Protein backbone atom coordinates (compact mmCIF):
# COMPACT_ATOMS: atom_id res chain seq x y z
CA VAL A 1 -134.05 -50.17 1.42
CA LEU A 2 -131.57 -47.31 1.30
CA ASP A 3 -133.09 -43.77 2.08
CA PHE A 4 -134.84 -41.52 -0.92
CA ASN A 5 -131.74 -39.08 -1.11
CA ASP A 6 -128.84 -41.75 -1.04
CA PRO A 7 -126.84 -41.51 -3.97
CA PHE A 8 -126.22 -45.55 -3.96
CA SER A 9 -130.53 -46.21 -4.13
CA THR A 10 -130.76 -45.71 -7.76
CA GLU A 11 -128.35 -48.24 -8.52
CA VAL A 12 -129.93 -50.68 -5.88
CA LYS A 13 -133.70 -50.12 -6.90
CA PRO A 14 -134.32 -47.70 -9.63
CA ARG A 15 -136.97 -45.89 -9.78
CA ILE A 16 -139.83 -45.55 -12.64
CA LEU A 17 -142.60 -42.80 -12.20
CA LEU A 18 -145.75 -42.83 -13.38
CA MET A 19 -147.08 -39.73 -14.47
CA GLY A 20 -150.40 -38.19 -16.91
CA LEU A 21 -153.71 -36.05 -16.54
CA ARG A 22 -156.73 -37.81 -14.64
CA ARG A 23 -158.11 -40.59 -15.63
CA SER A 24 -155.60 -41.27 -18.34
CA GLY A 25 -154.77 -44.94 -16.81
CA LYS A 26 -152.21 -44.55 -14.76
CA SER A 27 -153.17 -47.11 -11.80
CA SER A 28 -155.23 -49.40 -14.30
CA ILE A 29 -151.66 -50.20 -15.94
CA GLN A 30 -150.19 -50.94 -12.47
CA LYS A 31 -152.89 -52.77 -11.63
CA VAL A 32 -152.57 -54.99 -14.77
CA VAL A 33 -149.13 -55.81 -15.10
CA PHE A 34 -147.84 -56.01 -11.42
CA HIS A 35 -151.36 -57.50 -9.36
CA LYS A 36 -152.91 -59.49 -11.98
CA MET A 37 -156.26 -57.63 -12.19
CA SER A 38 -158.11 -58.36 -14.94
CA PRO A 39 -158.81 -54.90 -17.33
CA ASN A 40 -162.21 -55.14 -16.79
CA GLU A 41 -161.92 -54.99 -13.10
CA THR A 42 -159.84 -51.50 -13.42
CA LEU A 43 -163.26 -49.94 -14.72
CA PHE A 44 -163.93 -49.76 -10.66
CA LEU A 45 -160.46 -48.60 -9.66
CA GLU A 46 -160.92 -44.92 -8.00
CA SER A 47 -159.38 -42.00 -9.25
CA THR A 48 -155.78 -41.71 -7.25
CA ASN A 49 -155.45 -38.90 -5.02
CA LYS A 50 -152.28 -39.34 -3.46
CA ILE A 51 -148.58 -40.27 -4.25
CA CYS A 52 -148.59 -44.16 -4.39
CA ARG A 53 -145.39 -46.21 -3.99
CA GLU A 54 -144.62 -49.75 -4.81
CA ASP A 55 -142.07 -52.04 -4.24
CA VAL A 56 -141.32 -54.80 -7.07
CA SER A 57 -138.55 -56.96 -6.36
CA ASN A 58 -139.52 -60.23 -8.10
CA SER A 59 -135.57 -61.14 -8.97
CA SER A 60 -132.68 -59.23 -8.83
CA PHE A 61 -133.26 -57.80 -12.47
CA VAL A 62 -137.04 -56.79 -12.08
CA ASN A 63 -136.20 -54.86 -9.07
CA PHE A 64 -136.88 -51.20 -9.20
CA GLN A 65 -139.90 -48.77 -7.41
CA ILE A 66 -143.03 -47.54 -9.17
CA TRP A 67 -144.03 -44.22 -8.29
CA ASP A 68 -147.83 -43.61 -8.81
CA PHE A 69 -148.62 -39.99 -9.41
CA PRO A 70 -152.06 -38.46 -9.34
CA GLY A 71 -152.63 -36.53 -12.40
CA GLN A 72 -154.41 -33.36 -10.60
CA ILE A 73 -151.08 -32.89 -8.06
CA ASP A 74 -148.82 -30.17 -9.39
CA PHE A 75 -145.74 -31.62 -7.88
CA PHE A 76 -143.70 -28.28 -9.47
CA ASP A 77 -145.38 -26.53 -6.47
CA PRO A 78 -143.05 -24.80 -4.14
CA THR A 79 -144.32 -27.55 -1.02
CA PHE A 80 -142.83 -30.02 -3.29
CA ASP A 81 -138.73 -30.92 -3.88
CA TYR A 82 -139.01 -32.25 -7.35
CA GLU A 83 -135.25 -32.34 -7.76
CA MET A 84 -135.41 -34.53 -4.87
CA ILE A 85 -138.22 -36.81 -6.58
CA PHE A 86 -136.32 -36.83 -10.22
CA ARG A 87 -132.62 -36.92 -8.85
CA GLY A 88 -132.86 -41.12 -8.14
CA THR A 89 -135.11 -41.48 -11.48
CA GLY A 90 -134.52 -44.14 -13.94
CA ALA A 91 -137.45 -43.59 -16.26
CA LEU A 92 -140.26 -41.61 -16.53
CA ILE A 93 -143.56 -43.09 -17.64
CA PHE A 94 -145.92 -40.28 -18.71
CA VAL A 95 -149.34 -41.69 -19.72
CA ILE A 96 -151.33 -40.22 -22.69
CA ASP A 97 -155.30 -40.87 -23.00
CA SER A 98 -155.32 -41.23 -27.02
CA GLN A 99 -159.11 -41.04 -27.19
CA ASP A 100 -158.95 -37.47 -25.07
CA ASP A 101 -157.96 -33.91 -26.27
CA TYR A 102 -154.13 -34.48 -25.57
CA MET A 103 -153.17 -31.09 -25.82
CA GLU A 104 -153.54 -30.40 -22.22
CA ALA A 105 -151.59 -33.52 -21.88
CA LEU A 106 -149.04 -32.63 -24.44
CA ALA A 107 -148.72 -29.18 -22.60
CA ARG A 108 -147.65 -31.29 -19.36
CA LEU A 109 -145.70 -33.52 -20.63
CA HIS A 110 -143.32 -30.89 -22.04
CA LEU A 111 -143.38 -29.25 -18.75
CA THR A 112 -142.57 -32.51 -16.87
CA VAL A 113 -139.62 -33.45 -19.51
CA THR A 114 -137.52 -30.33 -19.67
CA ARG A 115 -137.98 -29.65 -15.36
CA ALA A 116 -136.70 -33.50 -15.47
CA TYR A 117 -133.96 -33.25 -17.71
CA LYS A 118 -132.63 -30.31 -16.08
CA VAL A 119 -132.32 -32.01 -12.78
CA ASN A 120 -131.29 -35.57 -14.30
CA PRO A 121 -130.21 -36.16 -17.97
CA ASP A 122 -130.09 -39.64 -17.72
CA ILE A 123 -133.39 -40.28 -17.13
CA ASN A 124 -135.49 -42.32 -19.77
CA PHE A 125 -138.36 -40.91 -20.98
CA GLU A 126 -141.17 -43.27 -22.29
CA ILE A 127 -144.61 -41.74 -23.57
CA PHE A 128 -147.57 -44.33 -23.27
CA ILE A 129 -149.95 -43.41 -25.97
CA HIS A 130 -152.69 -45.25 -24.21
CA LYS A 131 -156.50 -46.82 -24.22
CA VAL A 132 -155.51 -47.53 -28.47
CA ASP A 133 -158.39 -50.54 -27.95
CA GLY A 134 -160.73 -47.80 -29.06
CA LEU A 135 -158.61 -46.70 -32.17
CA SER A 136 -158.98 -48.29 -35.73
CA ASP A 137 -155.38 -49.31 -36.69
CA ASP A 138 -155.02 -46.15 -39.13
CA HIS A 139 -156.17 -44.07 -36.33
CA LYS A 140 -153.73 -45.17 -33.95
CA ILE A 141 -150.77 -44.64 -36.19
CA GLU A 142 -152.31 -40.83 -37.12
CA THR A 143 -152.81 -40.38 -33.47
CA GLN A 144 -148.81 -41.69 -32.75
CA ARG A 145 -147.42 -39.80 -35.80
CA ASP A 146 -148.85 -36.52 -34.34
CA ILE A 147 -148.07 -36.58 -30.56
CA HIS A 148 -144.39 -37.94 -32.07
CA GLN A 149 -144.21 -34.39 -33.81
CA ARG A 150 -145.98 -32.09 -31.55
CA ALA A 151 -143.67 -33.38 -28.29
CA ASN A 152 -140.56 -32.97 -30.57
CA ASP A 153 -141.25 -29.99 -31.96
CA ASP A 154 -142.41 -28.33 -28.57
CA LEU A 155 -138.47 -29.87 -27.60
CA ALA A 156 -136.90 -28.13 -30.49
CA ASP A 157 -138.73 -25.23 -30.03
CA ALA A 158 -136.94 -24.98 -26.73
CA GLY A 159 -133.66 -25.92 -27.59
CA LEU A 160 -133.63 -29.31 -26.27
CA GLU A 161 -133.70 -31.39 -29.76
CA LYS A 162 -131.14 -33.90 -27.48
CA ILE A 163 -133.69 -35.13 -24.91
CA HIS A 164 -135.18 -38.33 -26.59
CA LEU A 165 -138.49 -39.29 -26.04
CA SER A 166 -139.85 -43.33 -26.47
CA PHE A 167 -143.56 -43.65 -27.67
CA TYR A 168 -145.54 -46.75 -27.05
CA LEU A 169 -149.02 -47.54 -28.21
CA THR A 170 -150.19 -49.54 -25.32
CA SER A 171 -153.67 -50.92 -24.17
CA ILE A 172 -154.99 -52.95 -20.95
CA TYR A 173 -156.97 -55.50 -23.14
CA ASP A 174 -154.16 -56.88 -25.05
CA HIS A 175 -150.20 -57.63 -24.48
CA SER A 176 -148.81 -54.21 -25.75
CA ILE A 177 -148.80 -52.97 -22.45
CA PHE A 178 -146.37 -55.86 -21.04
CA GLU A 179 -144.27 -55.51 -23.99
CA ALA A 180 -144.44 -51.53 -23.78
CA PHE A 181 -143.40 -52.21 -19.74
CA SER A 182 -140.51 -54.89 -20.71
CA LYS A 183 -138.87 -52.52 -23.22
CA VAL A 184 -138.66 -49.48 -20.17
CA VAL A 185 -137.49 -52.32 -17.79
CA GLN A 186 -134.95 -53.66 -19.84
CA LYS A 187 -133.30 -50.09 -19.89
CA LEU A 188 -132.95 -50.27 -16.36
CA ILE A 189 -130.82 -53.77 -16.63
CA PRO A 190 -127.28 -53.06 -16.85
CA GLN A 191 -126.72 -56.63 -17.06
CA LEU A 192 -129.09 -56.62 -20.40
CA PRO A 193 -126.01 -56.83 -23.01
CA THR A 194 -124.85 -59.67 -20.97
CA LEU A 195 -127.95 -61.47 -20.95
CA GLU A 196 -128.77 -60.80 -24.51
CA ASN A 197 -125.68 -62.42 -25.52
CA LEU A 198 -125.89 -65.47 -23.65
CA LEU A 199 -129.58 -65.70 -25.41
CA ASN A 200 -127.94 -65.55 -28.93
CA ILE A 201 -124.85 -68.17 -27.55
CA PHE A 202 -128.31 -70.43 -26.64
CA ILE A 203 -130.16 -70.05 -29.83
CA SER A 204 -127.73 -70.38 -32.21
CA ASN A 205 -126.09 -73.72 -30.52
CA SER A 206 -129.77 -75.20 -30.64
CA GLY A 207 -131.09 -75.00 -33.40
CA ILE A 208 -133.89 -72.37 -31.35
CA GLU A 209 -135.91 -69.84 -33.78
CA LYS A 210 -136.40 -67.73 -30.80
CA ALA A 211 -136.07 -67.30 -26.84
CA PHE A 212 -137.32 -65.10 -24.26
CA LEU A 213 -136.09 -64.57 -20.40
CA PHE A 214 -139.50 -64.04 -18.99
CA ASP A 215 -140.36 -62.21 -15.09
CA VAL A 216 -143.16 -65.23 -14.11
CA VAL A 217 -144.74 -63.11 -11.98
CA SER A 218 -145.14 -59.60 -14.13
CA LYS A 219 -144.85 -61.28 -17.88
CA ILE A 220 -142.69 -58.75 -18.16
CA TYR A 221 -139.74 -60.25 -20.93
CA ILE A 222 -136.27 -58.77 -19.44
CA ALA A 223 -134.30 -59.99 -22.20
CA THR A 224 -134.19 -61.67 -25.96
CA ASP A 225 -132.06 -62.41 -28.51
CA SER A 226 -130.76 -59.96 -30.84
CA THR A 227 -133.70 -61.60 -33.81
CA PRO A 228 -137.25 -58.94 -34.14
CA VAL A 229 -139.77 -59.54 -31.59
CA ASP A 230 -142.64 -60.37 -33.36
CA MET A 231 -145.99 -59.56 -31.43
CA GLN A 232 -148.05 -62.74 -32.05
CA THR A 233 -144.64 -64.81 -30.90
CA TYR A 234 -144.77 -62.73 -27.64
CA GLU A 235 -148.62 -63.02 -26.86
CA LEU A 236 -148.28 -66.94 -27.04
CA CYS A 237 -145.40 -66.99 -24.58
CA CYS A 238 -147.43 -64.58 -21.95
CA ASP A 239 -150.45 -67.28 -22.99
CA MET A 240 -148.22 -70.05 -21.82
CA ILE A 241 -146.78 -69.04 -18.63
CA ASP A 242 -150.59 -68.29 -17.94
CA VAL A 243 -151.46 -72.02 -18.72
CA VAL A 244 -148.48 -73.07 -16.77
CA ILE A 245 -148.65 -71.09 -13.83
CA ASP A 246 -152.17 -71.86 -13.48
CA ILE A 247 -152.29 -75.78 -13.89
CA SER A 248 -149.06 -76.00 -11.61
CA CYS A 249 -151.05 -74.02 -8.98
CA ILE A 250 -153.91 -77.09 -9.21
CA TYR A 251 -152.29 -80.05 -9.59
CA GLY A 252 -148.10 -78.74 -8.79
CA LEU A 253 -148.73 -78.58 -4.76
CA LYS A 254 -148.18 -81.97 -2.67
CA ASP A 255 -150.99 -83.63 -1.50
CA ASP A 256 -151.00 -81.79 2.05
CA GLY A 257 -151.25 -78.38 -0.11
CA THR A 258 -147.12 -77.53 1.06
CA GLY A 259 -144.71 -76.96 -1.88
CA THR A 260 -144.65 -74.15 -4.39
CA PRO A 261 -146.45 -74.42 -7.74
CA TYR A 262 -143.26 -73.16 -9.93
CA ASP A 263 -140.03 -74.87 -8.96
CA LYS A 264 -136.64 -76.28 -10.35
CA GLU A 265 -138.71 -78.81 -11.72
CA SER A 266 -141.49 -76.65 -13.53
CA MET A 267 -141.09 -77.24 -17.26
CA ALA A 268 -143.70 -77.39 -20.41
CA ILE A 269 -143.95 -78.36 -24.46
CA ILE A 270 -146.40 -77.07 -26.33
CA LYS A 271 -147.03 -78.05 -29.49
CA LEU A 272 -148.52 -75.96 -32.11
CA ASN A 273 -150.01 -76.63 -35.64
CA ASN A 274 -147.54 -75.46 -37.71
CA THR A 275 -144.68 -77.99 -36.70
CA THR A 276 -143.47 -75.47 -34.21
CA VAL A 277 -142.90 -76.14 -30.33
CA LEU A 278 -142.92 -73.99 -27.28
CA TYR A 279 -140.69 -75.13 -24.69
CA LEU A 280 -140.55 -73.76 -21.15
CA LYS A 281 -137.80 -74.18 -18.38
CA GLU A 282 -137.46 -72.66 -14.75
CA VAL A 283 -134.42 -70.77 -14.82
CA THR A 284 -134.83 -69.52 -11.17
CA LYS A 285 -138.03 -69.63 -9.03
CA PHE A 286 -138.90 -66.16 -10.55
CA LEU A 287 -137.58 -66.21 -14.16
CA ALA A 288 -138.47 -68.72 -17.23
CA LEU A 289 -137.07 -69.47 -20.61
CA VAL A 290 -139.68 -69.55 -23.33
CA CYS A 291 -138.19 -70.96 -26.71
CA PHE A 292 -139.49 -71.53 -30.03
CA VAL A 293 -138.33 -74.33 -31.87
CA ARG A 294 -139.25 -76.11 -35.17
CA GLU A 295 -140.14 -79.77 -34.69
CA GLU A 296 -137.02 -81.53 -36.66
CA SER A 297 -134.73 -79.46 -34.38
CA PHE A 298 -137.07 -80.42 -31.07
CA GLU A 299 -136.00 -83.75 -31.57
CA ARG A 300 -132.65 -83.19 -30.43
CA LYS A 301 -133.85 -82.01 -26.74
CA GLY A 302 -131.00 -83.67 -25.01
CA LEU A 303 -128.67 -81.30 -26.82
CA ILE A 304 -131.11 -78.12 -25.99
CA ASP A 305 -131.40 -79.45 -22.64
CA TYR A 306 -127.98 -79.51 -22.01
CA ASN A 307 -127.05 -76.16 -23.58
CA PHE A 308 -130.02 -75.00 -21.11
CA HIS A 309 -127.95 -76.36 -18.08
CA CYS A 310 -124.89 -74.18 -19.44
CA PHE A 311 -127.05 -71.41 -19.64
CA ARG A 312 -128.81 -71.54 -16.19
CA LYS A 313 -125.35 -71.67 -14.79
CA ALA A 314 -124.54 -68.68 -16.48
CA ILE A 315 -127.53 -66.25 -15.43
CA GLN A 316 -126.45 -68.10 -11.42
CA GLU A 317 -123.07 -66.33 -11.96
CA VAL A 318 -124.56 -63.15 -12.97
CA PHE A 319 -127.05 -63.08 -10.48
CA GLU A 320 -124.04 -63.69 -7.95
CA VAL A 321 -121.99 -60.19 -9.40
CA ARG A 322 -125.48 -58.23 -9.10
CA MET A 323 -125.59 -59.65 -5.55
CA LYS A 324 -122.19 -58.29 -4.76
CA VAL A 325 -122.47 -55.20 -6.14
CA VAL A 326 -125.76 -54.76 -4.36
CA ARG A 327 -124.51 -55.31 -1.32
CA SER A 328 -120.74 -53.29 -1.78
CA ARG A 329 -122.70 -50.65 -2.61
CA LYS A 330 -125.18 -50.82 0.57
CA HIS A 331 -121.92 -51.38 2.75
CA GLN A 332 -120.75 -48.41 1.20
CA SER A 333 -123.64 -46.10 1.66
CA HIS A 334 -123.56 -47.30 5.28
CA MET A 335 -120.15 -46.15 5.55
CA GLN A 336 -120.85 -43.04 4.30
CA LYS A 337 -124.05 -42.43 6.74
CA THR A 338 -121.56 -42.80 9.70
CA LYS A 339 -118.48 -40.39 8.33
CA ARG A 340 -121.48 -37.75 8.33
CA PRO A 341 -120.54 -34.98 11.19
CA THR A 342 -122.94 -34.45 13.69
CA PRO A 343 -124.53 -31.15 14.23
CA ASN A 344 -121.93 -29.78 16.11
CA GLY A 345 -119.34 -30.82 13.89
CA THR A 346 -117.84 -33.80 15.38
CA PRO A 347 -117.89 -36.77 13.37
CA ARG A 348 -120.50 -39.90 13.62
CA MET A 349 -118.87 -42.96 15.42
CA PRO A 350 -120.51 -46.65 14.14
CA LEU A 351 -122.12 -48.12 17.05
């Protein structure tokens, strides 16, 4: 792991900051998405009172740090070096409790975004309008419109119209939080256009309706083809991954309990009652391809499997290039450290 201040660290492991007022739901989001905690269990979580850092390294694509900031901490206090915090940040997620009076949250959001932008204009600003499970559909739309309008008006009044804010309606009680996190993580993946292009080629040559490349640990989809994403389709994919992993944990291990429940042999077919087939195949030990196929197209399963073999090989090549870049940047970082002068002015020599 590279140093906090290392200029190459953002290329290797970008940071995602979770910010917002107290009790807005930051820690609950992290526990549900990355620790498989039941949403009902989050009711018993204690309020976070210190900055919590967690490494998420499921694969070369899902590879970042999450920093959970307590709502009561004023990180613009002189005792905090907020410039250092924002300098290496890839995305800043600001969580707003939609069921609470959000005027104070909007004021904190404006202060946070303007300070962060001055330090690092490349940060992606993501606004989670959270706990919308308690609102009616009309109220959700009205709340999102109001927060969107007020937040952008505040930036316009400060002459900062060029700052772009992305807004998501989220809840830990449905799949909206996973989809929102998927969109955030995708912006931090440099290989995203390549992955999307590979998926487009795969589905066009295989007669597939829709395909997702999933991280099976977090159920974040790191890429999909260029056709629009339907929320119901995404939910079915998430449920399928849960079923496959749960059954594999029971029946997929060897008689002596060794082995892994999810490996290169992992595959599942679920036929829905609307003449659609859900098809899951293992890509790497952390990634799965989940496809929606019409029954008549699935009759050519041999063609789909051949194209999948080509797709998996291409993904592995992307992995290899990514790892070469990571190793190269780590080496450059190490060389920079060894060349830094010592306090007496003489250059450091590598041991």
